[in-house]
C-alpha cells in the first residue's frame, strides 16, 4: 500500500465532526483568496513604511508563485483523492497542493521580511514559529479533508519553500548589487 493511500485510510478512520469543522476553517485561511488578501495587505503596509524591496518580495513571490503552482498542476494533471473520502469540492488538479505551496511561499518571504524588519529577537522567534505552524496546519488540513494526497502537500511545501527562497535570495542579491553600484 502506498504512503498516500495509507495516510488517507488512517485519516478517514479518525475523523470527527468537530475536527472536520476545525480543518475546514484552517483550510480556508490558507486558500488562494486568503493568501492573496494577506499578501496585498502586507504589501501595502510595507509600502506605507517605505519598505519597497520587501513589498516587491511579498507581492512578487506570491503572484509568481500562484502562476508557477497553476502551471505545475496542469503539467502533472494528478487526480485528487476519491469521493466520498474527499470532503472538499474543487475542480483543479491535486499536485502540488496549492494551499501548501502558496502558504509556504508566503511564510518563506514573511520570515525573511521579519528577520529584516523586526529588531526584537523574541518577537522574531514568535513570528517565525507562528508562520511555520500556519503553513503546517493548512497543509495537514488538506490531507485531513482528503482534498489532497500526502505527497501533494509535501510537494507543495517543497516547491513553495524553494520559490520563496528564490525570491528572498533574488531580492537580497539585488540589494547587494545596488549598494556596490552606488559606492
N, C-alpha and C. Protein backbone atom coordinates (compact mmCIF):
# COMPACT_ATOMS: atom_id res chain seq x y z
N UNK A 1 0.85 -1.18 0.00
CA UNK A 1 0.00 0.00 0.00
C UNK A 1 0.89 1.24 0.00
N UNK A 2 0.52 2.25 -0.78
CA UNK A 2 1.31 3.47 -0.89
C UNK A 2 1.15 4.34 0.36
N UNK A 3 2.10 5.24 0.54
CA UNK A 3 2.03 6.20 1.64
C UNK A 3 0.73 7.00 1.55
N UNK A 4 0.41 7.47 0.35
CA UNK A 4 -0.80 8.28 0.17
C UNK A 4 -2.05 7.53 0.59
N UNK A 5 -2.19 6.31 0.14
CA UNK A 5 -3.39 5.53 0.47
C UNK A 5 -3.43 5.17 1.96
N UNK A 6 -2.27 4.85 2.51
CA UNK A 6 -2.19 4.51 3.93
C UNK A 6 -2.62 5.69 4.81
N UNK A 7 -2.11 6.88 4.49
CA UNK A 7 -2.49 8.07 5.26
C UNK A 7 -3.98 8.35 5.09
N UNK A 8 -4.48 8.26 3.87
CA UNK A 8 -5.90 8.51 3.63
C UNK A 8 -6.77 7.54 4.43
N UNK A 9 -6.41 6.27 4.43
CA UNK A 9 -7.17 5.28 5.19
C UNK A 9 -7.17 5.60 6.69
N UNK A 10 -6.02 6.02 7.22
CA UNK A 10 -5.94 6.37 8.64
C UNK A 10 -6.74 7.62 8.97
N UNK A 11 -6.70 8.59 8.09
CA UNK A 11 -7.43 9.85 8.32
C UNK A 11 -8.93 9.59 8.35
N UNK A 12 -9.40 8.80 7.43
CA UNK A 12 -10.84 8.51 7.34
C UNK A 12 -11.34 7.88 8.64
N UNK A 13 -10.53 7.00 9.20
CA UNK A 13 -10.93 6.32 10.43
C UNK A 13 -10.92 7.20 11.66
N UNK A 14 -10.21 8.33 11.61
CA UNK A 14 -10.07 9.19 12.78
C UNK A 14 -10.85 10.50 12.68
N UNK A 15 -11.69 10.65 11.71
CA UNK A 15 -12.42 11.92 11.55
C UNK A 15 -13.52 12.06 12.59
N UNK A 16 -13.64 13.28 13.09
CA UNK A 16 -14.75 13.63 13.98
C UNK A 16 -15.36 14.92 13.44
N UNK A 17 -16.61 15.17 13.78
CA UNK A 17 -17.32 16.35 13.26
C UNK A 17 -16.61 17.64 13.65
N UNK A 18 -16.18 17.75 14.90
CA UNK A 18 -15.54 18.99 15.32
C UNK A 18 -14.19 19.19 14.65
N UNK A 19 -13.45 18.11 14.40
CA UNK A 19 -12.16 18.24 13.71
C UNK A 19 -12.36 18.59 12.24
N UNK A 20 -13.42 18.09 11.65
CA UNK A 20 -13.73 18.47 10.26
C UNK A 20 -14.01 19.97 10.20
N UNK A 21 -14.75 20.49 11.19
CA UNK A 21 -15.03 21.93 11.24
C UNK A 21 -13.74 22.74 11.41
N UNK A 22 -12.87 22.30 12.30
CA UNK A 22 -11.59 22.99 12.53
C UNK A 22 -10.74 22.95 11.25
N UNK A 23 -10.65 21.78 10.64
CA UNK A 23 -9.85 21.64 9.42
C UNK A 23 -10.40 22.51 8.29
N UNK A 24 -11.71 22.64 8.23
CA UNK A 24 -12.32 23.47 7.20
C UNK A 24 -11.96 24.95 7.40
N UNK A 25 -11.99 25.40 8.64
CA UNK A 25 -11.60 26.79 8.93
C UNK A 25 -10.13 27.00 8.58
N UNK A 26 -9.28 26.08 9.01
CA UNK A 26 -7.84 26.19 8.74
C UNK A 26 -7.57 26.18 7.25
N UNK A 27 -8.23 25.29 6.53
CA UNK A 27 -8.01 25.21 5.10
C UNK A 27 -8.43 26.51 4.41
N UNK A 28 -9.50 27.13 4.91
CA UNK A 28 -9.96 28.39 4.30
C UNK A 28 -9.00 29.55 4.54
N UNK A 29 -8.33 29.57 5.69
CA UNK A 29 -7.38 30.67 5.94
C UNK A 29 -6.05 30.44 5.20
N UNK A 30 -5.95 29.32 4.51
CA UNK A 30 -4.76 29.06 3.70
C UNK A 30 -5.07 28.98 2.22
N UNK A 31 -6.28 29.35 1.84
CA UNK A 31 -6.68 29.29 0.44
C UNK A 31 -6.09 30.44 -0.38
N UNK A 32 -6.24 30.34 -1.67
CA UNK A 32 -5.68 31.33 -2.59
C UNK A 32 -6.19 32.74 -2.27
N UNK A 33 -7.49 32.87 -2.06
CA UNK A 33 -8.05 34.20 -1.78
C UNK A 33 -7.46 34.76 -0.49
N UNK A 34 -7.39 33.95 0.55
CA UNK A 34 -6.84 34.41 1.83
C UNK A 34 -5.38 34.82 1.70
N UNK A 35 -4.60 34.02 0.98
CA UNK A 35 -3.17 34.34 0.80
C UNK A 35 -3.02 35.62 -0.02
N UNK A 36 -3.84 35.78 -1.06
CA UNK A 36 -3.76 37.00 -1.87
C UNK A 36 -4.17 38.23 -1.07
N UNK A 37 -5.19 38.11 -0.25
CA UNK A 37 -5.60 39.24 0.60
C UNK A 37 -4.49 39.57 1.60
N UNK A 38 -3.95 38.56 2.26
CA UNK A 38 -2.88 38.79 3.23
C UNK A 38 -1.67 39.43 2.57
N UNK A 39 -1.28 38.92 1.41
CA UNK A 39 -0.09 39.48 0.75
C UNK A 39 -0.35 40.90 0.25
N UNK A 40 -1.58 41.19 -0.16
CA UNK A 40 -1.91 42.56 -0.58
C UNK A 40 -1.84 43.52 0.60
N UNK A 41 -2.44 43.14 1.72
CA UNK A 41 -2.41 43.98 2.92
C UNK A 41 -0.97 44.19 3.37
N UNK A 42 -0.19 43.14 3.39
CA UNK A 42 1.22 43.26 3.81
C UNK A 42 2.02 44.12 2.84
N UNK A 43 1.77 43.97 1.55
CA UNK A 43 2.46 44.78 0.55
C UNK A 43 2.16 46.26 0.75
N UNK A 44 0.89 46.58 0.92
CA UNK A 44 0.51 47.98 1.16
C UNK A 44 1.14 48.50 2.45
N UNK A 45 1.11 47.71 3.51
CA UNK A 45 1.71 48.13 4.79
C UNK A 45 3.21 48.38 4.62
N UNK A 46 3.88 47.52 3.89
CA UNK A 46 5.31 47.70 3.67
C UNK A 46 5.59 48.94 2.82
N UNK A 47 4.77 49.18 1.83
CA UNK A 47 4.94 50.39 1.01
C UNK A 47 4.72 51.65 1.85
N UNK A 48 3.75 51.62 2.74
CA UNK A 48 3.49 52.77 3.62
C UNK A 48 4.65 53.02 4.58
N UNK A 49 5.43 51.99 4.85
CA UNK A 49 6.61 52.13 5.71
C UNK A 49 7.88 52.37 4.90
N UNK A 50 7.70 52.63 3.60
CA UNK A 50 8.82 52.87 2.69
C UNK A 50 9.77 51.67 2.60
N UNK A 51 9.20 50.49 2.62
CA UNK A 51 9.96 49.23 2.50
C UNK A 51 9.64 48.60 1.14
N UNK A 52 10.06 49.30 0.09
CA UNK A 52 9.71 48.90 -1.27
C UNK A 52 10.26 47.51 -1.62
N UNK A 53 11.49 47.25 -1.26
CA UNK A 53 12.11 45.96 -1.61
C UNK A 53 11.34 44.80 -0.96
N UNK A 54 10.94 44.97 0.29
CA UNK A 54 10.18 43.93 0.98
C UNK A 54 8.78 43.79 0.38
N UNK A 55 8.18 44.91 -0.02
CA UNK A 55 6.87 44.86 -0.67
C UNK A 55 6.94 44.10 -1.98
N UNK A 56 7.98 44.34 -2.75
CA UNK A 56 8.18 43.61 -4.01
C UNK A 56 8.41 42.13 -3.72
N UNK A 57 9.15 41.84 -2.68
CA UNK A 57 9.40 40.45 -2.29
C UNK A 57 8.09 39.72 -2.01
N UNK A 58 7.24 40.31 -1.19
CA UNK A 58 5.98 39.65 -0.82
C UNK A 58 5.06 39.51 -2.04
N UNK A 59 4.80 40.62 -2.71
CA UNK A 59 3.85 40.56 -3.83
C UNK A 59 4.39 39.76 -5.00
N UNK A 60 5.66 39.96 -5.32
CA UNK A 60 6.25 39.23 -6.45
C UNK A 60 6.30 37.73 -6.23
N UNK A 61 6.69 37.33 -5.03
CA UNK A 61 6.80 35.90 -4.73
C UNK A 61 5.43 35.23 -4.75
N UNK A 62 4.44 35.86 -4.15
CA UNK A 62 3.11 35.24 -4.07
C UNK A 62 2.45 35.20 -5.45
N UNK A 63 2.48 36.31 -6.19
CA UNK A 63 1.83 36.31 -7.51
C UNK A 63 2.51 35.37 -8.49
N UNK A 64 3.83 35.38 -8.52
CA UNK A 64 4.52 34.45 -9.42
C UNK A 64 4.40 33.02 -8.92
N UNK A 65 4.34 32.84 -7.60
CA UNK A 65 4.13 31.50 -7.03
C UNK A 65 2.78 30.93 -7.44
N UNK A 66 1.77 31.78 -7.50
CA UNK A 66 0.46 31.36 -7.97
C UNK A 66 0.53 30.87 -9.41
N UNK A 67 1.25 31.59 -10.24
CA UNK A 67 1.40 31.19 -11.65
C UNK A 67 2.18 29.88 -11.77
N UNK A 68 3.26 29.74 -11.00
CA UNK A 68 4.06 28.51 -11.04
C UNK A 68 3.22 27.33 -10.55
N UNK A 69 2.49 27.52 -9.47
CA UNK A 69 1.65 26.45 -8.92
C UNK A 69 0.61 26.00 -9.95
N UNK A 70 -0.03 26.95 -10.60
CA UNK A 70 -1.03 26.61 -11.61
C UNK A 70 -0.40 25.84 -12.76
N UNK A 71 0.77 26.28 -13.19
CA UNK A 71 1.48 25.58 -14.26
C UNK A 71 1.85 24.16 -13.87
N UNK A 72 2.30 23.97 -12.65
CA UNK A 72 2.66 22.62 -12.18
C UNK A 72 1.43 21.71 -12.14
N UNK A 73 0.29 22.24 -11.70
CA UNK A 73 -0.93 21.44 -11.67
C UNK A 73 -1.28 20.93 -13.07
N UNK A 74 -1.18 21.80 -14.07
CA UNK A 74 -1.51 21.40 -15.43
C UNK A 74 -0.42 20.52 -16.05
N UNK A 75 0.78 20.65 -15.58
CA UNK A 75 1.87 19.79 -16.05
C UNK A 75 1.67 18.35 -15.57
N UNK A 76 1.32 18.19 -14.30
CA UNK A 76 1.19 16.85 -13.71
C UNK A 76 -0.20 16.24 -13.86
N UNK A 77 -1.23 17.05 -13.85
CA UNK A 77 -2.63 16.59 -14.01
C UNK A 77 -2.98 15.41 -13.11
N UNK A 78 -2.56 15.45 -11.88
CA UNK A 78 -2.84 14.35 -10.95
C UNK A 78 -4.24 14.49 -10.37
N UNK A 79 -5.02 13.41 -10.41
CA UNK A 79 -6.36 13.48 -9.82
C UNK A 79 -6.32 13.55 -8.30
N UNK A 80 -7.36 14.12 -7.74
CA UNK A 80 -7.48 14.25 -6.29
C UNK A 80 -7.93 12.92 -5.68
N UNK A 81 -7.86 12.81 -4.36
CA UNK A 81 -8.39 11.60 -3.70
C UNK A 81 -9.86 11.42 -4.07
N UNK A 82 -10.33 10.19 -4.01
CA UNK A 82 -11.69 9.90 -4.47
C UNK A 82 -12.78 10.38 -3.51
N UNK A 83 -13.96 10.54 -4.08
CA UNK A 83 -15.16 10.76 -3.27
C UNK A 83 -15.61 9.39 -2.79
N UNK A 84 -16.21 9.19 -1.69
CA UNK A 84 -16.73 10.15 -0.72
C UNK A 84 -15.70 10.55 0.33
N UNK A 85 -14.47 10.02 0.25
CA UNK A 85 -13.45 10.37 1.23
C UNK A 85 -13.15 11.86 1.21
N UNK A 86 -13.17 12.44 0.01
CA UNK A 86 -12.85 13.87 -0.15
C UNK A 86 -14.01 14.71 0.34
N UNK A 87 -13.73 15.57 1.32
CA UNK A 87 -14.77 16.40 1.91
C UNK A 87 -14.78 17.82 1.36
N UNK A 88 -13.93 18.08 0.37
CA UNK A 88 -13.83 19.41 -0.23
C UNK A 88 -14.09 19.26 -1.73
N UNK A 89 -14.96 20.08 -2.24
CA UNK A 89 -15.25 20.06 -3.67
C UNK A 89 -14.36 21.08 -4.37
N UNK A 90 -13.61 20.63 -5.34
CA UNK A 90 -12.72 21.51 -6.09
C UNK A 90 -12.55 20.95 -7.49
N UNK A 91 -12.24 21.83 -8.43
CA UNK A 91 -12.18 21.40 -9.82
C UNK A 91 -10.77 21.38 -10.40
N UNK A 92 -9.76 21.71 -9.59
CA UNK A 92 -8.40 21.73 -10.11
C UNK A 92 -7.70 20.40 -9.82
N UNK A 93 -6.52 20.28 -10.40
CA UNK A 93 -5.74 19.07 -10.17
C UNK A 93 -5.14 19.07 -8.76
N UNK A 94 -4.61 17.91 -8.37
CA UNK A 94 -4.18 17.71 -7.00
C UNK A 94 -2.71 18.06 -6.73
N UNK A 95 -1.85 17.88 -7.71
CA UNK A 95 -0.41 18.00 -7.47
C UNK A 95 0.17 19.23 -8.14
N UNK A 96 0.86 20.07 -7.39
CA UNK A 96 1.05 20.09 -5.94
C UNK A 96 -0.12 20.78 -5.25
N UNK A 97 -0.20 20.65 -3.95
CA UNK A 97 -1.23 21.33 -3.19
C UNK A 97 -1.00 22.84 -3.28
N UNK A 98 -1.97 23.55 -3.83
CA UNK A 98 -1.86 25.00 -3.93
C UNK A 98 -1.87 25.67 -2.58
N UNK A 99 -2.70 25.14 -1.66
CA UNK A 99 -2.73 25.69 -0.31
C UNK A 99 -1.36 25.57 0.35
N UNK A 100 -0.77 24.39 0.27
CA UNK A 100 0.54 24.17 0.89
C UNK A 100 1.61 25.02 0.21
N UNK A 101 1.57 25.08 -1.12
CA UNK A 101 2.59 25.82 -1.84
C UNK A 101 2.50 27.32 -1.59
N UNK A 102 1.31 27.88 -1.71
CA UNK A 102 1.19 29.33 -1.54
C UNK A 102 1.45 29.77 -0.10
N UNK A 103 0.99 28.97 0.86
CA UNK A 103 1.30 29.35 2.25
C UNK A 103 2.79 29.21 2.52
N UNK A 104 3.44 28.24 1.92
CA UNK A 104 4.89 28.09 2.11
C UNK A 104 5.64 29.26 1.47
N UNK A 105 5.20 29.70 0.29
CA UNK A 105 5.81 30.88 -0.33
C UNK A 105 5.64 32.08 0.60
N UNK A 106 4.40 32.30 1.03
CA UNK A 106 4.10 33.44 1.90
C UNK A 106 4.92 33.38 3.19
N UNK A 107 4.96 32.22 3.80
CA UNK A 107 5.70 32.06 5.06
C UNK A 107 7.19 32.31 4.84
N UNK A 108 7.74 31.77 3.78
CA UNK A 108 9.16 31.93 3.50
C UNK A 108 9.53 33.41 3.36
N UNK A 109 8.74 34.15 2.58
CA UNK A 109 9.08 35.56 2.38
C UNK A 109 8.77 36.38 3.63
N UNK A 110 7.74 36.01 4.38
CA UNK A 110 7.44 36.75 5.61
C UNK A 110 8.49 36.50 6.69
N UNK A 111 9.05 35.31 6.72
CA UNK A 111 10.16 35.06 7.65
C UNK A 111 11.32 35.98 7.29
N UNK A 112 11.62 36.09 6.00
CA UNK A 112 12.71 36.97 5.57
C UNK A 112 12.41 38.42 5.91
N UNK A 113 11.19 38.86 5.67
CA UNK A 113 10.81 40.24 6.00
C UNK A 113 10.90 40.45 7.50
N UNK A 114 10.43 39.50 8.27
CA UNK A 114 10.50 39.61 9.74
C UNK A 114 11.95 39.75 10.19
N UNK A 115 12.83 38.93 9.63
CA UNK A 115 14.23 38.99 10.02
C UNK A 115 14.89 40.29 9.59
N UNK A 116 14.40 40.89 8.50
CA UNK A 116 14.96 42.16 8.02
C UNK A 116 14.42 43.36 8.80
N UNK A 117 13.17 43.28 9.24
CA UNK A 117 12.47 44.45 9.77
C UNK A 117 12.36 44.45 11.29
N UNK A 118 12.05 43.32 11.88
CA UNK A 118 11.79 43.25 13.32
C UNK A 118 13.12 43.15 14.07
N UNK A 119 13.32 44.04 15.01
CA UNK A 119 14.59 44.09 15.73
C UNK A 119 14.60 43.20 16.97
N UNK A 120 13.47 43.08 17.64
CA UNK A 120 13.40 42.32 18.88
C UNK A 120 13.50 40.81 18.60
N UNK A 121 14.49 40.17 19.20
CA UNK A 121 14.76 38.74 18.95
C UNK A 121 13.59 37.86 19.36
N UNK A 122 12.98 38.12 20.50
CA UNK A 122 11.87 37.30 20.97
C UNK A 122 10.66 37.43 20.04
N UNK A 123 10.40 38.62 19.57
CA UNK A 123 9.30 38.82 18.63
C UNK A 123 9.57 38.05 17.34
N UNK A 124 10.81 38.10 16.86
CA UNK A 124 11.18 37.36 15.66
C UNK A 124 10.89 35.86 15.82
N UNK A 125 11.30 35.31 16.96
CA UNK A 125 11.11 33.88 17.20
C UNK A 125 9.62 33.54 17.21
N UNK A 126 8.83 34.31 17.91
CA UNK A 126 7.38 34.05 17.99
C UNK A 126 6.75 34.13 16.60
N UNK A 127 7.10 35.15 15.84
CA UNK A 127 6.53 35.32 14.50
C UNK A 127 6.91 34.15 13.59
N UNK A 128 8.17 33.78 13.61
CA UNK A 128 8.64 32.67 12.76
C UNK A 128 7.93 31.37 13.13
N UNK A 129 7.83 31.08 14.41
CA UNK A 129 7.16 29.85 14.86
C UNK A 129 5.69 29.86 14.43
N UNK A 130 5.00 30.98 14.61
CA UNK A 130 3.59 31.06 14.21
C UNK A 130 3.42 30.91 12.71
N UNK A 131 4.32 31.49 11.94
CA UNK A 131 4.24 31.35 10.48
C UNK A 131 4.43 29.91 10.04
N UNK A 132 5.41 29.24 10.61
CA UNK A 132 5.65 27.82 10.26
C UNK A 132 4.45 26.96 10.68
N UNK A 133 3.91 27.20 11.86
CA UNK A 133 2.73 26.46 12.31
C UNK A 133 1.53 26.69 11.38
N UNK A 134 1.41 27.91 10.87
CA UNK A 134 0.33 28.25 9.93
C UNK A 134 0.39 27.38 8.68
N UNK A 135 1.54 27.33 8.01
CA UNK A 135 1.62 26.55 6.78
C UNK A 135 1.50 25.05 7.06
N UNK A 136 2.03 24.59 8.19
CA UNK A 136 1.88 23.18 8.55
C UNK A 136 0.41 22.83 8.79
N UNK A 137 -0.30 23.69 9.52
CA UNK A 137 -1.71 23.44 9.81
C UNK A 137 -2.54 23.43 8.53
N UNK A 138 -2.26 24.35 7.64
CA UNK A 138 -3.01 24.42 6.38
C UNK A 138 -2.77 23.14 5.57
N UNK A 139 -1.53 22.74 5.42
CA UNK A 139 -1.22 21.52 4.66
C UNK A 139 -1.86 20.28 5.26
N UNK A 140 -1.77 20.16 6.58
CA UNK A 140 -2.37 19.00 7.24
C UNK A 140 -3.89 19.00 7.12
N UNK A 141 -4.49 20.19 7.11
CA UNK A 141 -5.95 20.26 6.94
C UNK A 141 -6.36 19.74 5.57
N UNK A 142 -5.52 19.97 4.57
CA UNK A 142 -5.83 19.50 3.21
C UNK A 142 -5.82 17.97 3.15
N UNK A 143 -4.89 17.36 3.87
CA UNK A 143 -4.84 15.90 3.93
C UNK A 143 -6.02 15.37 4.75
N UNK A 144 -6.32 16.00 5.87
CA UNK A 144 -7.41 15.55 6.74
C UNK A 144 -8.75 15.59 6.00
N UNK A 145 -8.95 16.62 5.18
CA UNK A 145 -10.20 16.73 4.42
C UNK A 145 -10.16 15.93 3.13
N UNK A 146 -9.04 15.25 2.88
CA UNK A 146 -8.82 14.45 1.67
C UNK A 146 -8.95 15.29 0.40
N UNK A 147 -8.60 16.57 0.51
CA UNK A 147 -8.55 17.43 -0.67
C UNK A 147 -7.29 17.13 -1.47
N UNK A 148 -6.29 16.57 -0.77
CA UNK A 148 -5.00 16.24 -1.40
C UNK A 148 -4.45 14.96 -0.82
N UNK A 149 -3.61 14.33 -1.62
CA UNK A 149 -2.79 13.23 -1.14
C UNK A 149 -1.66 13.82 -0.31
N UNK A 150 -1.10 13.04 0.56
CA UNK A 150 0.02 13.49 1.40
C UNK A 150 1.17 14.01 0.56
N UNK A 151 1.51 13.30 -0.50
CA UNK A 151 2.64 13.71 -1.34
C UNK A 151 2.35 15.02 -2.08
N UNK A 152 1.09 15.34 -2.33
CA UNK A 152 0.75 16.64 -2.92
C UNK A 152 1.13 17.77 -1.98
N UNK A 153 0.83 17.58 -0.70
CA UNK A 153 1.12 18.59 0.32
C UNK A 153 2.63 18.71 0.53
N UNK A 154 3.31 17.58 0.63
CA UNK A 154 4.77 17.62 0.78
C UNK A 154 5.42 18.33 -0.40
N UNK A 155 4.95 18.05 -1.60
CA UNK A 155 5.48 18.72 -2.79
C UNK A 155 5.14 20.21 -2.76
N UNK A 156 3.94 20.55 -2.33
CA UNK A 156 3.55 21.95 -2.25
C UNK A 156 4.45 22.72 -1.30
N UNK A 157 4.70 22.15 -0.12
CA UNK A 157 5.61 22.80 0.83
C UNK A 157 7.01 22.95 0.23
N UNK A 158 7.48 21.90 -0.44
CA UNK A 158 8.83 21.93 -1.03
C UNK A 158 8.93 22.97 -2.13
N UNK A 159 8.01 22.92 -3.10
CA UNK A 159 8.03 23.90 -4.19
C UNK A 159 7.86 25.32 -3.64
N UNK A 160 6.95 25.48 -2.68
CA UNK A 160 6.70 26.80 -2.11
C UNK A 160 7.92 27.36 -1.39
N UNK A 161 8.57 26.52 -0.59
CA UNK A 161 9.78 26.97 0.13
C UNK A 161 10.89 27.31 -0.86
N UNK A 162 11.02 26.50 -1.90
CA UNK A 162 12.04 26.78 -2.92
C UNK A 162 11.74 28.08 -3.65
N UNK A 163 10.47 28.29 -4.01
CA UNK A 163 10.11 29.50 -4.74
C UNK A 163 10.29 30.73 -3.84
N UNK A 164 9.86 30.63 -2.60
CA UNK A 164 10.06 31.73 -1.66
C UNK A 164 11.54 32.02 -1.44
N UNK A 165 12.34 30.98 -1.28
CA UNK A 165 13.78 31.15 -1.09
C UNK A 165 14.42 31.80 -2.31
N UNK A 166 13.97 31.42 -3.49
CA UNK A 166 14.46 32.04 -4.73
C UNK A 166 14.22 33.55 -4.69
N UNK A 167 13.02 33.95 -4.30
CA UNK A 167 12.69 35.37 -4.23
C UNK A 167 13.48 36.08 -3.13
N UNK A 168 13.63 35.44 -1.99
CA UNK A 168 14.41 36.04 -0.90
C UNK A 168 15.85 36.25 -1.35
N UNK A 169 16.43 35.23 -1.96
CA UNK A 169 17.80 35.33 -2.44
C UNK A 169 17.92 36.40 -3.53
N UNK A 170 16.95 36.43 -4.44
CA UNK A 170 16.99 37.41 -5.54
C UNK A 170 16.93 38.84 -5.03
N UNK A 171 16.05 39.10 -4.09
CA UNK A 171 15.94 40.48 -3.59
C UNK A 171 17.16 40.85 -2.74
N UNK A 172 17.71 39.88 -2.05
CA UNK A 172 18.93 40.13 -1.27
C UNK A 172 20.10 40.41 -2.20
N UNK A 173 20.24 39.61 -3.26
CA UNK A 173 21.33 39.80 -4.22
C UNK A 173 21.18 41.14 -4.92
N UNK A 174 19.96 41.51 -5.28
CA UNK A 174 19.71 42.78 -5.94
C UNK A 174 20.09 43.94 -5.02
N UNK A 175 19.80 43.82 -3.73
CA UNK A 175 20.15 44.87 -2.77
C UNK A 175 21.67 45.00 -2.66
N UNK A 176 22.37 43.89 -2.62
CA UNK A 176 23.83 43.91 -2.52
C UNK A 176 24.44 44.54 -3.77
N UNK A 177 23.93 44.15 -4.95
CA UNK A 177 24.44 44.70 -6.20
C UNK A 177 24.16 46.20 -6.30
N UNK A 178 23.00 46.63 -5.85
CA UNK A 178 22.65 48.05 -5.87
C UNK A 178 23.59 48.84 -4.97
N UNK A 179 23.92 48.32 -3.81
CA UNK A 179 24.86 49.00 -2.91
C UNK A 179 26.24 49.13 -3.54
N UNK A 180 26.71 48.08 -4.20
CA UNK A 180 28.03 48.11 -4.82
C UNK A 180 28.09 49.11 -5.95
N UNK A 181 27.02 49.22 -6.72
CA UNK A 181 27.00 50.15 -7.84
C UNK A 181 27.01 51.59 -7.34
N UNK A 182 26.33 51.88 -6.25
CA UNK A 182 26.25 53.23 -5.70
C UNK A 182 27.58 53.69 -5.09
N UNK A 183 28.40 52.76 -4.65
CA UNK A 183 29.64 53.11 -3.96
C UNK A 183 30.67 53.63 -4.90
